């Protein structure tokens, strides 16, 4: 039987589910449901913080100030 080639997912929710599946497989046996829930919460918070850091929007005020300064230097 040939090995399956996994296609990397681009859907954020599918990627999060895959990461949860991978991390819970490493632990295998949880002492209780709360410990499993704690792990899933930590993973989702980490993913949320990463998303916030990666998707900061450009502050147009800074761009306007940069253009004004460039015009002053050119004059």
C-alpha atoms as a PDB file:
ATOM      1  CA  UNK A   1       0.000   0.000   0.000  1.00  0.00           C
ATOM      2  CA  UNK A   2       1.441   3.388  -1.018  1.00  0.00           C
ATOM      3  CA  UNK A   3       1.759   6.082   1.657  1.00  0.00           C
ATOM      4  CA  UNK A   4      -0.870   8.784   1.575  1.00  0.00           C
ATOM      5  CA  UNK A   5       0.322  12.273   0.794  1.00  0.00           C
ATOM      6  CA  UNK A   6      -1.406  14.821   2.959  1.00  0.00           C
ATOM      7  CA  UNK A   7      -2.451  18.077   1.365  1.00  0.00           C
ATOM      8  CA  UNK A   8      -1.825  21.038   3.681  1.00  0.00           C
ATOM      9  CA  UNK A   9      -5.081  22.715   4.599  1.00  0.00           C
ATOM     10  CA  UNK A  10      -5.641  26.421   4.231  1.00  0.00           C
ATOM     11  CA  UNK A  11      -8.888  26.645   6.118  1.00  0.00           C
ATOM     12  CA  UNK A  12      -8.170  28.104   9.573  1.00  0.00           C
ATOM     13  CA  UNK A  13     -10.737  25.937  11.326  1.00  0.00           C
ATOM     14  CA  UNK A  14      -9.466  22.742   9.705  1.00  0.00           C
ATOM     15  CA  UNK A  15      -5.912  23.673  10.622  1.00  0.00           C
ATOM     16  CA  UNK A  16      -6.912  24.319  14.241  1.00  0.00           C
ATOM     17  CA  UNK A  17      -8.727  20.978  14.429  1.00  0.00           C
ATOM     18  CA  UNK A  18      -5.677  19.215  13.012  1.00  0.00           C
ATOM     19  CA  UNK A  19      -3.424  20.888  15.593  1.00  0.00           C
ATOM     20  CA  UNK A  20      -5.776  19.886  18.429  1.00  0.00           C
ATOM     21  CA  UNK A  21      -5.867  16.321  17.111  1.00  0.00           C
ATOM     22  CA  UNK A  22      -2.064  16.227  16.928  1.00  0.00           C
ATOM     23  CA  UNK A  23      -1.539  17.615  20.432  1.00  0.00           C
ATOM     24  CA  UNK A  24      -4.158  15.399  22.081  1.00  0.00           C
ATOM     25  CA  UNK A  25      -2.664  12.350  20.362  1.00  0.00           C
ATOM     26  CA  UNK A  26       0.680  13.120  22.003  1.00  0.00           C
ATOM     27  CA  UNK A  27      -0.890  13.224  25.464  1.00  0.00           C
ATOM     28  CA  UNK A  28      -3.095  10.180  24.729  1.00  0.00           C
ATOM     29  CA  UNK A  29      -4.745   9.805  28.149  1.00  0.00           C
ATOM     30  CA  UNK A  30      -6.083  12.782  30.069  1.00  0.00           C
ATOM     31  CA  UNK A  31      -6.731  12.480  33.809  1.00  0.00           C
ATOM     32  CA  UNK A  32     -10.075  14.256  33.420  1.00  0.00           C
ATOM     33  CA  UNK A  33     -12.157  16.253  30.956  1.00  0.00           C
ATOM     34  CA  UNK A  34     -11.013  19.567  32.430  1.00  0.00           C
ATOM     35  CA  UNK A  35      -7.378  18.885  31.565  1.00  0.00           C
ATOM     36  CA  UNK A  36      -8.323  18.152  27.956  1.00  0.00           C
ATOM     37  CA  UNK A  37     -10.383  21.323  27.831  1.00  0.00           C
ATOM     38  CA  UNK A  38      -7.452  23.294  29.282  1.00  0.00           C
ATOM     39  CA  UNK A  39      -5.185  22.061  26.481  1.00  0.00           C
ATOM     40  CA  UNK A  40      -7.737  22.941  23.788  1.00  0.00           C
ATOM     41  CA  UNK A  41      -8.260  26.401  25.298  1.00  0.00           C
ATOM     42  CA  UNK A  42      -4.521  27.041  25.414  1.00  0.00           C
ATOM     43  CA  UNK A  43      -4.187  26.039  21.756  1.00  0.00           C
ATOM     44  CA  UNK A  44      -7.048  28.267  20.653  1.00  0.00           C
ATOM     45  CA  UNK A  45      -5.744  31.250  22.635  1.00  0.00           C
ATOM     46  CA  UNK A  46      -2.293  30.739  21.127  1.00  0.00           C
ATOM     47  CA  UNK A  47      -3.771  30.551  17.628  1.00  0.00           C
ATOM     48  CA  UNK A  48      -5.848  33.688  18.258  1.00  0.00           C
ATOM     49  CA  UNK A  49      -2.839  35.664  19.480  1.00  0.00           C
ATOM     50  CA  UNK A  50      -0.785  34.514  16.497  1.00  0.00           C
ATOM     51  CA  UNK A  51      -3.558  35.560  14.136  1.00  0.00           C
ATOM     52  CA  UNK A  52      -3.771  39.002  15.752  1.00  0.00           C
ATOM     53  CA  UNK A  53      -0.025  39.494  15.401  1.00  0.00           C
ATOM     54  CA  UNK A  54       0.006  38.374  11.764  1.00  0.00           C
ATOM     55  CA  UNK A  55      -3.008  40.426  10.655  1.00  0.00           C
ATOM     56  CA  UNK A  56      -2.292  43.916  11.906  1.00  0.00           C
ATOM     57  CA  UNK A  57      -3.665  46.477   9.550  1.00  0.00           C
ATOM     58  CA  UNK A  58      -1.646  49.343   8.156  1.00  0.00           C
ATOM     59  CA  UNK A  59      -2.134  52.564  10.045  1.00  0.00           C
ATOM     60  CA  UNK A  60      -2.842  55.113   7.311  1.00  0.00           C
ATOM     61  CA  UNK A  61      -1.926  58.038   9.613  1.00  0.00           C
ATOM     62  CA  UNK A  62       1.655  56.839   9.709  1.00  0.00           C
ATOM     63  CA  UNK A  63       1.687  56.636   5.915  1.00  0.00           C
ATOM     64  CA  UNK A  64       0.360  60.208   5.635  1.00  0.00           C
ATOM     65  CA  UNK A  65       3.051  61.486   7.991  1.00  0.00           C
ATOM     66  CA  UNK A  66       5.721  59.664   5.995  1.00  0.00           C
ATOM     67  CA  UNK A  67       4.490  61.235   2.745  1.00  0.00           C
ATOM     68  CA  UNK A  68       4.429  64.736   4.313  1.00  0.00           C
ATOM     69  CA  UNK A  69       7.991  64.299   5.551  1.00  0.00           C
ATOM     70  CA  UNK A  70       9.140  63.063   2.139  1.00  0.00           C
ATOM     71  CA  UNK A  71       7.583  66.118   0.491  1.00  0.00           C
ATOM     72  CA  UNK A  72       9.305  68.456   2.986  1.00  0.00           C
ATOM     73  CA  UNK A  73      12.681  66.850   2.297  1.00  0.00           C
ATOM     74  CA  UNK A  74      12.166  67.075  -1.482  1.00  0.00           C
ATOM     75  CA  UNK A  75      11.355  70.807  -1.318  1.00  0.00           C
END
